[in-house]
C-alpha atoms as a PDB file:
ATOM      1  CA  MET A   1     -25.082  26.484  68.881  1.00  0.00           C
ATOM      2  CA  GLN A   2     -24.973  30.252  68.904  1.00  0.00           C
ATOM      3  CA  ASN A   3     -23.370  30.240  65.480  1.00  0.00           C
ATOM      4  CA  ILE A   4     -26.159  28.064  64.107  1.00  0.00           C
ATOM      5  CA  ASN A   5     -28.776  30.348  65.655  1.00  0.00           C
ATOM      6  CA  SER A   6     -27.001  33.365  64.211  1.00  0.00           C
ATOM      7  CA  ILE A   7     -26.947  31.819  60.740  1.00  0.00           C
ATOM      8  CA  LEU A   8     -30.603  30.845  60.997  1.00  0.00           C
ATOM      9  CA  THR A   9     -31.482  34.350  62.137  1.00  0.00           C
ATOM     10  CA  LYS A  10     -29.678  35.905  59.152  1.00  0.00           C
ATOM     11  CA  HIS A  11     -31.391  33.576  56.691  1.00  0.00           C
ATOM     12  CA  THR A  12     -34.729  34.248  58.336  1.00  0.00           C
ATOM     13  CA  VAL A  13     -34.246  38.002  58.012  1.00  0.00           C
ATOM     14  CA  THR A  14     -33.221  37.616  54.361  1.00  0.00           C
ATOM     15  CA  VAL A  15     -36.254  35.483  53.578  1.00  0.00           C
ATOM     16  CA  LEU A  16     -38.546  37.895  55.379  1.00  0.00           C
ATOM     17  CA  LEU A  17     -37.102  40.838  53.445  1.00  0.00           C
ATOM     18  CA  PHE A  18     -37.525  38.938  50.171  1.00  0.00           C
ATOM     19  CA  ILE A  19     -41.106  38.033  51.052  1.00  0.00           C
ATOM     20  CA  SER A  20     -41.743  41.639  52.045  1.00  0.00           C
ATOM     21  CA  ALA A  21     -40.412  42.867  48.701  1.00  0.00           C
ATOM     22  CA  ILE A  22     -42.624  40.418  46.837  1.00  0.00           C
ATOM     23  CA  ALA A  23     -45.630  41.332  48.948  1.00  0.00           C
ATOM     24  CA  SER A  24     -45.165  45.036  48.336  1.00  0.00           C
ATOM     25  CA  SER A  25     -44.532  44.397  44.602  1.00  0.00           C
ATOM     26  CA  GLN A  26     -42.140  47.325  44.608  1.00  0.00           C
ATOM     27  CA  VAL A  27     -38.399  47.341  44.127  1.00  0.00           C
ATOM     28  CA  GLY A  28     -36.215  50.356  44.688  1.00  0.00           C
ATOM     29  CA  ILE A  29     -32.628  50.651  43.497  1.00  0.00           C
ATOM     30  CA  GLY A  30     -30.926  53.752  44.789  1.00  0.00           C
ATOM     31  CA  THR A  31     -34.009  54.620  46.844  1.00  0.00           C
ATOM     32  CA  SER A  32     -35.675  53.237  49.966  1.00  0.00           C
ATOM     33  CA  ASN A  33     -39.047  54.635  48.954  1.00  0.00           C
ATOM     34  CA  PRO A  34     -39.899  53.234  45.509  1.00  0.00           C
ATOM     35  CA  GLU A  35     -42.802  54.985  43.824  1.00  0.00           C
ATOM     36  CA  GLY A  36     -43.487  52.240  41.304  1.00  0.00           C
ATOM     37  CA  MET A  37     -43.052  48.520  40.785  1.00  0.00           C
ATOM     38  CA  LEU A  38     -39.416  49.307  39.868  1.00  0.00           C
ATOM     39  CA  ASP A  39     -37.885  52.628  40.849  1.00  0.00           C
ATOM     40  CA  LEU A  40     -34.315  53.406  39.782  1.00  0.00           C
ATOM     41  CA  GLU A  41     -32.583  56.504  41.088  1.00  0.00           C
ATOM     42  CA  SER A  42     -29.048  57.654  40.334  1.00  0.00           C
ATOM     43  CA  ASN A  43     -27.294  60.914  39.589  1.00  0.00           C
ATOM     44  CA  GLN A  44     -24.429  59.252  37.742  1.00  0.00           C
ATOM     45  CA  GLN A  45     -25.546  55.950  36.266  1.00  0.00           C
ATOM     46  CA  GLY A  46     -28.076  54.920  33.646  1.00  0.00           C
ATOM     47  CA  LEU A  47     -30.156  51.900  32.786  1.00  0.00           C
ATOM     48  CA  VAL A  48     -28.479  49.594  30.260  1.00  0.00           C
ATOM     49  CA  TYR A  49     -30.941  47.698  28.082  1.00  0.00           C
ATOM     50  CA  PRO A  50     -30.095  44.184  26.893  1.00  0.00           C
ATOM     51  CA  ARG A  51     -27.821  44.597  23.872  1.00  0.00           C
ATOM     52  CA  VAL A  52     -28.673  42.353  20.939  1.00  0.00           C
ATOM     53  CA  ALA A  53     -27.949  42.173  17.216  1.00  0.00           C
ATOM     54  CA  LEU A  54     -31.295  42.256  15.432  1.00  0.00           C
ATOM     55  CA  THR A  55     -31.366  41.239  11.770  1.00  0.00           C
ATOM     56  CA  LYS A  56     -34.827  42.374  10.663  1.00  0.00           C
ATOM     57  CA  THR A  57     -37.576  44.472  12.190  1.00  0.00           C
ATOM     58  CA  ASN A  58     -40.121  41.721  11.457  1.00  0.00           C
ATOM     59  CA  LEU A  59     -38.058  38.933  13.050  1.00  0.00           C
ATOM     60  CA  GLN A  60     -38.096  38.573  16.850  1.00  0.00           C
ATOM     61  CA  SER A  61     -34.916  36.467  17.054  1.00  0.00           C
ATOM     62  CA  PRO A  62     -32.332  36.451  18.523  1.00  0.00           C
ATOM     63  CA  VAL A  63     -34.496  37.702  21.411  1.00  0.00           C
ATOM     64  CA  VAL A  64     -36.520  34.933  23.087  1.00  0.00           C
ATOM     65  CA  ASN A  65     -39.266  34.646  25.676  1.00  0.00           C
ATOM     66  CA  PRO A  66     -37.784  32.643  28.610  1.00  0.00           C
ATOM     67  CA  ASN A  67     -41.198  31.076  29.170  1.00  0.00           C
ATOM     68  CA  GLY A  68     -41.423  30.004  25.546  1.00  0.00           C
ATOM     69  CA  GLY A  69     -43.744  31.232  22.833  1.00  0.00           C
ATOM     70  CA  ASN A  70     -43.801  34.656  21.239  1.00  0.00           C
ATOM     71  CA  LEU A  71     -42.244  37.755  22.728  1.00  0.00           C
ATOM     72  CA  VAL A  72     -44.468  39.822  24.964  1.00  0.00           C
ATOM     73  CA  ALA A  73     -45.563  43.171  23.571  1.00  0.00           C
ATOM     74  CA  GLY A  74     -43.408  45.879  25.129  1.00  0.00           C
ATOM     75  CA  THR A  75     -40.175  43.849  25.197  1.00  0.00           C
ATOM     76  CA  VAL A  76     -37.323  46.371  24.988  1.00  0.00           C
ATOM     77  CA  VAL A  77     -33.775  45.889  23.657  1.00  0.00           C
ATOM     78  CA  TYR A  78     -30.893  47.967  22.370  1.00  0.00           C
ATOM     79  CA  ASN A  79     -29.961  46.874  18.846  1.00  0.00           C
ATOM     80  CA  THR A  80     -26.262  47.012  17.972  1.00  0.00           C
ATOM     81  CA  ASN A  81     -26.546  45.890  14.358  1.00  0.00           C
ATOM     82  CA  THR A  82     -26.888  47.735  11.031  1.00  0.00           C
ATOM     83  CA  THR A  83     -28.279  46.007   7.947  1.00  0.00           C
ATOM     84  CA  SER A  84     -28.627  47.175   4.342  1.00  0.00           C
ATOM     85  CA  THR A  85     -30.396  44.283   2.643  1.00  0.00           C
ATOM     86  CA  GLY A  86     -33.372  46.399   1.631  1.00  0.00           C
ATOM     87  CA  ASP A  87     -35.680  44.078   3.586  1.00  0.00           C
ATOM     88  CA  HIS A  88     -36.840  45.405   6.994  1.00  0.00           C
ATOM     89  CA  ASP A  89     -33.408  46.841   7.792  1.00  0.00           C
ATOM     90  CA  VAL A  90     -32.352  47.741  11.335  1.00  0.00           C
ATOM     91  CA  TYR A  91     -30.089  50.458  12.750  1.00  0.00           C
ATOM     92  CA  PRO A  92     -28.420  50.948  16.162  1.00  0.00           C
ATOM     93  CA  GLY A  93     -30.810  52.121  18.853  1.00  0.00           C
ATOM     94  CA  VAL A  94     -33.626  51.136  21.206  1.00  0.00           C
ATOM     95  CA  TYR A  95     -36.427  48.969  19.789  1.00  0.00           C
ATOM     96  CA  VAL A  96     -39.724  47.796  21.289  1.00  0.00           C
ATOM     97  CA  TRP A  97     -41.563  44.659  20.146  1.00  0.00           C
ATOM     98  CA  ASP A  98     -45.159  45.640  19.321  1.00  0.00           C
ATOM     99  CA  GLY A  99     -46.591  42.128  19.627  1.00  0.00           C
ATOM    100  CA  ALA A 100     -49.220  42.790  16.960  1.00  0.00           C
ATOM    101  CA  ALA A 101     -51.480  39.876  16.078  1.00  0.00           C
ATOM    102  CA  VAL A 102     -50.691  40.413  12.391  1.00  0.00           C
ATOM    103  CA  ASP A 103     -47.176  41.236  11.169  1.00  0.00           C
ATOM    104  CA  PRO A 104     -45.569  41.949  14.567  1.00  0.00           C
ATOM    105  CA  LYS A 105     -42.308  43.871  14.449  1.00  0.00           C
ATOM    106  CA  TRP A 106     -39.672  45.840  16.283  1.00  0.00           C
ATOM    107  CA  ILE A 107     -40.531  49.545  16.487  1.00  0.00           C
ATOM    108  CA  PRO A 108     -37.566  51.968  16.677  1.00  0.00           C
ATOM    109  CA  GLN A 109     -37.705  54.396  19.583  1.00  0.00           C
ATOM    110  CA  PHE A 110     -35.642  57.014  17.792  1.00  0.00           C
ATOM    111  CA  ILE A 111     -36.344  59.396  14.928  1.00  0.00           C
ATOM    112  CA  ILE A 112     -35.374  58.052  11.519  1.00  0.00           C
ATOM    113  CA  GLU A 113     -34.789  61.082   9.330  1.00  0.00           C
ATOM    114  CA  HIS A 114     -32.438  61.985   6.532  1.00  0.00           C
ATOM    115  CA  SER A 115     -32.352  64.842   4.054  1.00  0.00           C
ATOM    116  CA  ALA A 116     -29.762  66.187   1.651  1.00  0.00           C
ATOM    117  CA  LEU A 117     -29.760  69.273  -0.579  1.00  0.00           C
ATOM    118  CA  PHE A 118     -27.643  69.699  -3.723  1.00  0.00           C
ATOM    119  CA  GLU A 119     -27.363  73.128  -5.398  1.00  0.00           C
ATOM    120  CA  GLN A 120     -26.177  74.580  -8.688  1.00  0.00           C
ATOM    121  CA  ASN A 121     -22.951  76.573  -8.426  1.00  0.00           C
ATOM    122  CA  PRO A 122     -22.268  79.093  -9.900  1.00  0.00           C
ATOM    123  CA  LEU A 123     -25.491  80.840 -10.882  1.00  0.00           C
ATOM    124  CA  ASN A 124     -26.396  82.334 -14.295  1.00  0.00           C
ATOM    125  CA  PHE A 125     -25.083  79.450 -16.367  1.00  0.00           C
ATOM    126  CA  ASN A 126     -25.182  80.083 -20.151  1.00  0.00           C
ATOM    127  CA  VAL A 127     -26.551  77.374 -22.457  1.00  0.00           C
ATOM    128  CA  SER A 128     -26.039  77.681 -26.219  1.00  0.00           C
ATOM    129  CA  LEU A 129     -28.540  76.708 -28.919  1.00  0.00           C
ATOM    130  CA  SER A 130     -28.506  73.140 -30.263  1.00  0.00           C
ATOM    131  CA  GLY A 131     -25.521  72.177 -28.213  1.00  0.00           C
ATOM    132  CA  GLY A 132     -27.323  69.125 -26.893  1.00  0.00           C
ATOM    133  CA  PHE A 133     -27.727  68.437 -23.211  1.00  0.00           C
ATOM    134  CA  VAL A 134     -25.057  70.117 -21.083  1.00  0.00           C
ATOM    135  CA  ASP A 135     -24.395  69.649 -17.375  1.00  0.00           C
ATOM    136  CA  VAL A 136     -25.687  72.195 -14.905  1.00  0.00           C
ATOM    137  CA  PRO A 137     -22.606  73.127 -12.819  1.00  0.00           C
ATOM    138  CA  ASN A 138     -22.185  71.210  -9.564  1.00  0.00           C
ATOM    139  CA  LEU A 139     -25.119  68.955 -10.485  1.00  0.00           C
ATOM    140  CA  GLY A 140     -23.657  67.293 -13.561  1.00  0.00           C
ATOM    141  CA  ASN A 141     -21.898  64.042 -14.345  1.00  0.00           C
ATOM    142  CA  GLY A 142     -20.365  62.427 -11.263  1.00  0.00           C
ATOM    143  CA  SER A 143     -23.012  63.673  -8.847  1.00  0.00           C
ATOM    144  CA  SER A 144     -24.506  61.075  -6.514  1.00  0.00           C
ATOM    145  CA  PHE A 145     -26.629  60.514  -3.427  1.00  0.00           C
ATOM    146  CA  THR A 146     -26.079  57.889  -0.707  1.00  0.00           C
ATOM    147  CA  ALA A 147     -29.157  56.724   1.196  1.00  0.00           C
ATOM    148  CA  LYS A 148     -28.778  56.539   4.968  1.00  0.00           C
ATOM    149  CA  TYR A 149     -31.888  54.400   5.460  1.00  0.00           C
ATOM    150  CA  THR A 150     -33.835  51.807   3.496  1.00  0.00           C
ATOM    151  CA  GLY A 151     -37.257  52.964   2.372  1.00  0.00           C
ATOM    152  CA  ILE A 152     -39.126  55.609   0.413  1.00  0.00           C
ATOM    153  CA  TYR A 153     -37.331  58.861  -0.378  1.00  0.00           C
ATOM    154  CA  ARG A 154     -38.928  61.969  -1.847  1.00  0.00           C
ATOM    155  CA  ILE A 155     -36.848  63.658  -4.539  1.00  0.00           C
ATOM    156  CA  GLU A 156     -37.734  67.263  -5.330  1.00  0.00           C
ATOM    157  CA  ALA A 157     -35.838  68.827  -8.220  1.00  0.00           C
ATOM    158  CA  ASN A 158     -36.320  72.563  -8.875  1.00  0.00           C
ATOM    159  CA  PHE A 159     -35.130  74.264 -12.059  1.00  0.00           C
ATOM    160  CA  ASN A 160     -35.272  77.767 -13.494  1.00  0.00           C
ATOM    161  CA  PHE A 161     -34.500  79.134 -16.946  1.00  0.00           C
ATOM    162  CA  GLY A 162     -34.425  82.553 -18.614  1.00  0.00           C
ATOM    163  CA  ALA A 163     -34.157  83.657 -22.254  1.00  0.00           C
ATOM    164  CA  GLY A 164     -31.328  85.832 -23.534  1.00  0.00           C
ATOM    165  CA  GLN A 165     -31.532  89.291 -25.128  1.00  0.00           C
ATOM    166  CA  VAL A 166     -33.796  89.571 -28.176  1.00  0.00           C
ATOM    167  CA  LEU A 167     -32.810  91.428 -31.396  1.00  0.00           C
ATOM    168  CA  ASN A 168     -33.940  94.978 -32.091  1.00  0.00           C
ATOM    169  CA  PRO A 169     -37.376  95.306 -33.690  1.00  0.00           C
ATOM    170  CA  SER A 170     -37.271  95.743 -37.478  1.00  0.00           C
ATOM    171  CA  GLY A 171     -39.104  98.117 -39.823  1.00  0.00           C
ATOM    172  CA  SER A 172     -41.988 100.024 -38.317  1.00  0.00           C
ATOM    173  CA  GLU A 173     -42.130  97.733 -35.329  1.00  0.00           C
ATOM    174  CA  SER A 174     -41.251  99.268 -31.993  1.00  0.00           C
ATOM    175  CA  VAL A 175     -41.510  96.137 -29.845  1.00  0.00           C
ATOM    176  CA  ARG A 176     -40.221  92.609 -30.344  1.00  0.00           C
ATOM    177  CA  MET A 177     -41.107  89.673 -28.115  1.00  0.00           C
ATOM    178  CA  ALA A 178     -39.711  86.171 -28.542  1.00  0.00           C
ATOM    179  CA  THR A 179     -39.174  82.948 -26.656  1.00  0.00           C
ATOM    180  CA  GLN A 180     -36.421  80.433 -26.102  1.00  0.00           C
ATOM    181  CA  GLU A 181     -37.397  76.870 -25.248  1.00  0.00           C
ATOM    182  CA  GLY A 182     -35.755  73.663 -24.185  1.00  0.00           C
ATOM    183  CA  TYR A 183     -35.710  70.791 -21.730  1.00  0.00           C
ATOM    184  CA  PHE A 184     -34.162  70.055 -18.390  1.00  0.00           C
ATOM    185  CA  ARG A 185     -33.151  66.430 -17.957  1.00  0.00           C
ATOM    186  CA  PHE A 186     -32.836  64.906 -14.506  1.00  0.00           C
ATOM    187  CA  SER A 187     -31.189  61.483 -14.529  1.00  0.00           C
ATOM    188  CA  PHE A 188     -31.334  59.234 -11.495  1.00  0.00           C
ATOM    189  CA  ASP A 189     -30.162  55.653 -11.152  1.00  0.00           C
ATOM    190  CA  GLY A 190     -30.415  54.959 -14.888  1.00  0.00           C
ATOM    191  CA  SER A 191     -33.746  56.711 -15.551  1.00  0.00           C
ATOM    192  CA  ASN A 192     -34.148  60.033 -17.403  1.00  0.00           C
ATOM    193  CA  TYR A 193     -36.876  62.580 -16.678  1.00  0.00           C
ATOM    194  CA  ASP A 194     -37.303  65.428 -19.197  1.00  0.00           C
ATOM    195  CA  ILE A 195     -39.088  68.637 -18.153  1.00  0.00           C
ATOM    196  CA  TYR A 196     -40.065  71.279 -20.714  1.00  0.00           C
ATOM    197  CA  THR A 197     -39.125  74.903 -20.034  1.00  0.00           C
ATOM    198  CA  HIS A 198     -39.346  78.245 -21.833  1.00  0.00           C
ATOM    199  CA  SER A 199     -38.894  81.962 -21.228  1.00  0.00           C
ATOM    200  CA  TYR A 200     -39.670  85.246 -23.017  1.00  0.00           C
ATOM    201  CA  SER A 201     -37.603  88.280 -23.986  1.00  0.00           C
ATOM    202  CA  ILE A 202     -38.883  91.755 -24.914  1.00  0.00           C
ATOM    203  CA  ARG A 203     -37.201  94.712 -26.627  1.00  0.00           C
ATOM    204  CA  ASN A 204     -38.890  98.132 -26.749  1.00  0.00           C
ATOM    205  CA  ASN A 205     -37.244 100.512 -29.225  1.00  0.00           C
ATOM    206  CA  THR A 206     -39.406 103.428 -28.188  1.00  0.00           C
ATOM    207  CA  THR A 207     -38.163 103.351 -24.627  1.00  0.00           C
ATOM    208  CA  SER A 208     -34.854 101.587 -25.436  1.00  0.00           C
ATOM    209  CA  GLN A 209     -35.626  98.994 -22.805  1.00  0.00           C
ATOM    210  CA  ASP A 210     -34.732  95.310 -22.750  1.00  0.00           C
ATOM    211  CA  PHE A 211     -36.613  92.777 -20.695  1.00  0.00           C
ATOM    212  CA  ASN A 212     -34.956  89.394 -20.677  1.00  0.00           C
ATOM    213  CA  SER A 213     -33.977  86.631 -18.297  1.00  0.00           C
ATOM    214  CA  PHE A 214     -37.548  86.323 -17.076  1.00  0.00           C
ATOM    215  CA  ARG A 215     -37.165  83.375 -14.751  1.00  0.00           C
ATOM    216  CA  HIS A 216     -39.417  80.424 -15.541  1.00  0.00           C
ATOM    217  CA  ASP A 217     -39.573  77.949 -12.656  1.00  0.00           C
ATOM    218  CA  SER A 218     -40.377  74.271 -13.024  1.00  0.00           C
ATOM    219  CA  SER A 219     -40.055  71.255 -10.779  1.00  0.00           C
ATOM    220  CA  LEU A 220     -40.139  67.486 -10.613  1.00  0.00           C
ATOM    221  CA  ILE A 221     -41.156  65.315  -7.646  1.00  0.00           C
ATOM    222  CA  LEU A 222     -40.351  61.612  -7.460  1.00  0.00           C
ATOM    223  CA  TYR A 223     -40.867  58.924  -4.826  1.00  0.00           C
ATOM    224  CA  VAL A 224     -38.266  56.185  -4.997  1.00  0.00           C
ATOM    225  CA  ASN A 225     -37.453  53.119  -2.913  1.00  0.00           C
ATOM    226  CA  LEU A 226     -33.785  53.230  -1.901  1.00  0.00           C
ATOM    227  CA  ARG A 227     -31.485  50.973   0.086  1.00  0.00           C
ATOM    228  CA  ALA A 228     -29.390  52.043   3.063  1.00  0.00           C
ATOM    229  CA  GLY A 229     -25.713  52.519   2.292  1.00  0.00           C
ATOM    230  CA  GLN A 230     -26.150  52.399  -1.481  1.00  0.00           C
ATOM    231  CA  THR A 231     -24.887  55.255  -3.657  1.00  0.00           C
ATOM    232  CA  TYR A 232     -27.098  56.336  -6.555  1.00  0.00           C
ATOM    233  CA  PRO A 233     -25.813  58.360  -9.541  1.00  0.00           C
ATOM    234  CA  MET A 234     -27.698  61.500 -10.519  1.00  0.00           C
ATOM    235  CA  ARG A 235     -27.274  64.260 -13.071  1.00  0.00           C
ATOM    236  CA  LEU A 236     -29.007  67.506 -14.097  1.00  0.00           C
ATOM    237  CA  GLN A 237     -28.652  68.838 -17.659  1.00  0.00           C
ATOM    238  CA  MET A 238     -30.264  71.422 -19.921  1.00  0.00           C
ATOM    239  CA  ASP A 239     -30.753  71.508 -23.706  1.00  0.00           C
ATOM    240  CA  LEU A 240     -31.736  74.770 -25.450  1.00  0.00           C
ATOM    241  CA  GLN A 241     -33.681  73.623 -28.530  1.00  0.00           C
ATOM    242  CA  VAL A 242     -35.639  76.669 -29.777  1.00  0.00           C
ATOM    243  CA  SER A 243     -34.145  80.102 -30.397  1.00  0.00           C
ATOM    244  CA  ASN A 244     -35.492  81.649 -33.624  1.00  0.00           C
ATOM    245  CA  SER A 245     -32.766  83.287 -35.711  1.00  0.00           C
ATOM    246  CA  ASN A 246     -35.197  86.087 -36.642  1.00  0.00           C
ATOM    247  CA  ASP A 247     -35.416  87.006 -32.985  1.00  0.00           C
ATOM    248  CA  TYR A 248     -32.056  86.064 -31.478  1.00  0.00           C
ATOM    249  CA  ASN A 249     -28.434  86.132 -32.556  1.00  0.00           C
ATOM    250  CA  SER A 250     -26.986  82.666 -33.021  1.00  0.00           C
ATOM    251  CA  SER A 251     -24.656  83.435 -30.125  1.00  0.00           C
ATOM    252  CA  THR A 252     -27.450  84.402 -27.732  1.00  0.00           C
ATOM    253  CA  ASN A 253     -27.550  81.927 -24.875  1.00  0.00           C
ATOM    254  CA  GLY A 254     -30.299  80.835 -22.553  1.00  0.00           C
ATOM    255  CA  ILE A 255     -29.580  81.187 -18.857  1.00  0.00           C
ATOM    256  CA  VAL A 256     -29.954  78.546 -16.138  1.00  0.00           C
ATOM    257  CA  GLY A 257     -30.123  79.485 -12.458  1.00  0.00           C
ATOM    258  CA  ILE A 258     -31.112  83.142 -12.512  1.00  0.00           C
ATOM    259  CA  ASP A 259     -30.490  84.552  -9.008  1.00  0.00           C
ATOM    260  CA  VAL A 260     -31.764  81.278  -7.518  1.00  0.00           C
ATOM    261  CA  PRO A 261     -29.900  77.980  -8.033  1.00  0.00           C
ATOM    262  CA  CYS A 262     -31.377  74.813  -9.454  1.00  0.00           C
ATOM    263  CA  THR A 263     -31.631  72.325  -6.597  1.00  0.00           C
ATOM    264  CA  ILE A 264     -32.137  68.622  -5.944  1.00  0.00           C
ATOM    265  CA  GLU A 265     -33.362  67.625  -2.481  1.00  0.00           C
ATOM    266  CA  PHE A 266     -33.750  64.149  -0.982  1.00  0.00           C
ATOM    267  CA  THR A 267     -35.978  63.502   2.045  1.00  0.00           C
ATOM    268  CA  TYR A 268     -36.556  60.161   3.773  1.00  0.00           C
ATOM    269  CA  ILE A 269     -40.300  59.466   4.100  1.00  0.00           C
ATOM    270  CA  LYS A 270     -40.871  55.973   5.498  1.00  0.00           C
ATOM    271  CA  GLU A 271     -39.774  52.346   5.397  1.00  0.00           C
END
């Protein structure tokens, strides 16, 4: 009889503790004095979120509401999956369901950022007249960019060009000024973008001074939709098309990348 009373007493205490916990609406793990509905305290252990393999940010499955219906806004999971379909892709990390009335989706709780910079090397690259488009070193044929995330990337391409040394002035002239002109061509994923460029040269016979390689800067900005994990070919070239024979020797080259390299930079903007 004592054993039965002992068992009943233990169950009674357990039930009373459970009822007390419910009544107080506070649960403490690692603490006897919870300061919220759920208070976790530990110097060595963390909270492990439910680990699931999401397939799209706009699809709540495989997560379900145990009471049926849609997920409750604020539902938190740790996604273990990576997708690269180009359609609401997901990446490993913590996500929260926003429960929006229109187009609800999983919101990543981590920073999605990616940037990459490609530079000309070496500097002061000589381009001859009418040689057609030639590769800018380290940015030419075979160059590529691989997107880390699916979404909109900003491409900023910066170029600079300078004219070569002009011929001596003729006759009674003491100063000669001339220009060399051409085009940069940036190719990306099968599309070509041509950007006009030019630069001046000056020769002063009176002072025996040459002024050439005046750097002319130009740029191109594109916004493109890329897919995570996909590699995209790119290429930067230059074609010197105008160099008057009355002003320049036929062997006088234009110069690409004067002191500052031509660059191509990719920056992830948004999904």
